[in-house]
Amino acid sequence: MTLPVVPLADATPAALAMDGHVATVFWRRELRAHEAAARAVSDRVDRELPGLRKALAWSIAARRTPGST
């Protein structure tokens, strides 16, 4: 199965929405049904923008920690 190439400008917010489990963008059922495509998009973002997804996850975790304003 060949997956379409998604422009990086579209792939990045899609990958971040998938990481954040933003149900208004992707329902869990959709992600399961298109698991290979979702993984390909996330892998592309990681390859072209290394560290972005991890930095965002750390930033969100820090904001959720009590006393981190």
C-alpha atoms as a PDB file:
ATOM      1  CA  MET A   1       0.000   0.000   0.000  1.00  0.00           C
ATOM      2  CA  THR A   2       1.424   3.380  -1.009  1.00  0.00           C
ATOM      3  CA  LEU A   3       0.660   6.269   1.287  1.00  0.00           C
ATOM      4  CA  PRO A   4       0.242   9.792  -0.122  1.00  0.00           C
ATOM      5  CA  VAL A   5       2.896  12.394   0.625  1.00  0.00           C
ATOM      6  CA  VAL A   6       1.424  15.073   2.856  1.00  0.00           C
ATOM      7  CA  PRO A   7       2.909  18.595   2.820  1.00  0.00           C
ATOM      8  CA  LEU A   8       4.859  19.300   6.014  1.00  0.00           C
ATOM      9  CA  ALA A   9       2.632  22.314   6.732  1.00  0.00           C
ATOM     10  CA  ASP A  10      -0.339  19.911   6.925  1.00  0.00           C
ATOM     11  CA  ALA A  11       1.489  16.986   8.500  1.00  0.00           C
ATOM     12  CA  THR A  12       2.755  18.943  11.505  1.00  0.00           C
ATOM     13  CA  PRO A  13      -0.583  20.073  12.981  1.00  0.00           C
ATOM     14  CA  ALA A  14      -2.066  16.660  12.155  1.00  0.00           C
ATOM     15  CA  ALA A  15       0.713  14.883  14.069  1.00  0.00           C
ATOM     16  CA  LEU A  16       0.327  17.241  17.025  1.00  0.00           C
ATOM     17  CA  ALA A  17      -3.455  16.723  17.042  1.00  0.00           C
ATOM     18  CA  MET A  18      -2.925  12.950  17.029  1.00  0.00           C
ATOM     19  CA  ASP A  19      -0.425  13.213  19.897  1.00  0.00           C
ATOM     20  CA  GLY A  20      -2.850  15.346  21.875  1.00  0.00           C
ATOM     21  CA  HIS A  21      -5.792  13.040  21.194  1.00  0.00           C
ATOM     22  CA  VAL A  22      -7.793  16.002  19.890  1.00  0.00           C
ATOM     23  CA  ALA A  23     -11.115  14.293  19.220  1.00  0.00           C
ATOM     24  CA  THR A  24     -12.470  17.265  17.292  1.00  0.00           C
ATOM     25  CA  VAL A  25      -9.794  16.556  14.675  1.00  0.00           C
ATOM     26  CA  PHE A  26      -9.411  12.755  14.749  1.00  0.00           C
ATOM     27  CA  TRP A  27     -11.677  10.272  16.457  1.00  0.00           C
ATOM     28  CA  ARG A  28      -9.951   7.229  17.944  1.00  0.00           C
ATOM     29  CA  ARG A  29     -11.840   5.035  15.486  1.00  0.00           C
ATOM     30  CA  GLU A  30     -10.376   7.043  12.589  1.00  0.00           C
ATOM     31  CA  LEU A  31      -6.860   6.708  13.940  1.00  0.00           C
ATOM     32  CA  ARG A  32      -7.224   2.951  14.343  1.00  0.00           C
ATOM     33  CA  ALA A  33      -8.647   2.621  10.840  1.00  0.00           C
ATOM     34  CA  HIS A  34      -5.763   4.623   9.363  1.00  0.00           C
ATOM     35  CA  GLU A  35      -2.987   3.563  11.703  1.00  0.00           C
ATOM     36  CA  ALA A  36      -0.337   3.183   8.972  1.00  0.00           C
ATOM     37  CA  ALA A  37      -1.042   6.634   7.553  1.00  0.00           C
ATOM     38  CA  ALA A  38      -1.056   8.214  11.015  1.00  0.00           C
ATOM     39  CA  ARG A  39       2.298   6.592  11.816  1.00  0.00           C
ATOM     40  CA  ALA A  40       3.730   7.769   8.465  1.00  0.00           C
ATOM     41  CA  VAL A  41       2.667  11.363   9.161  1.00  0.00           C
ATOM     42  CA  SER A  42       4.162  11.295  12.666  1.00  0.00           C
ATOM     43  CA  ASP A  43       7.374   9.697  11.392  1.00  0.00           C
ATOM     44  CA  ARG A  44       7.711  12.369   8.705  1.00  0.00           C
ATOM     45  CA  VAL A  45       7.309  15.174  11.221  1.00  0.00           C
ATOM     46  CA  ASP A  46       9.892  13.511  13.494  1.00  0.00           C
ATOM     47  CA  ARG A  47      12.299  13.127  10.587  1.00  0.00           C
ATOM     48  CA  GLU A  48      11.969  16.693   9.273  1.00  0.00           C
ATOM     49  CA  LEU A  49      11.412  18.518  12.571  1.00  0.00           C
ATOM     50  CA  PRO A  50      13.340  16.416  15.097  1.00  0.00           C
ATOM     51  CA  GLY A  51      12.389  17.048  18.687  1.00  0.00           C
ATOM     52  CA  LEU A  52       9.275  19.131  17.986  1.00  0.00           C
ATOM     53  CA  ARG A  53       6.718  16.574  19.171  1.00  0.00           C
ATOM     54  CA  LYS A  54       8.790  15.688  22.241  1.00  0.00           C
ATOM     55  CA  ALA A  55       9.333  19.363  23.134  1.00  0.00           C
ATOM     56  CA  LEU A  56       5.624  20.058  22.875  1.00  0.00           C
ATOM     57  CA  ALA A  57       4.800  17.040  25.066  1.00  0.00           C
ATOM     58  CA  TRP A  58       7.306  18.234  27.703  1.00  0.00           C
ATOM     59  CA  SER A  59       5.903  21.762  27.535  1.00  0.00           C
ATOM     60  CA  ILE A  60       2.353  20.538  28.068  1.00  0.00           C
ATOM     61  CA  ALA A  61       3.434  18.287  30.932  1.00  0.00           C
ATOM     62  CA  ALA A  62       5.245  21.197  32.575  1.00  0.00           C
ATOM     63  CA  ARG A  63       2.168  23.403  32.320  1.00  0.00           C
ATOM     64  CA  ARG A  64       0.061  20.714  33.988  1.00  0.00           C
ATOM     65  CA  THR A  65       2.470  20.391  36.915  1.00  0.00           C
ATOM     66  CA  PRO A  66       1.301  22.282  40.019  1.00  0.00           C
ATOM     67  CA  GLY A  67       3.258  25.457  40.644  1.00  0.00           C
ATOM     68  CA  SER A  68       4.520  25.838  37.076  1.00  0.00           C
ATOM     69  CA  THR A  69       3.185  29.182  35.917  1.00  0.00           C
END
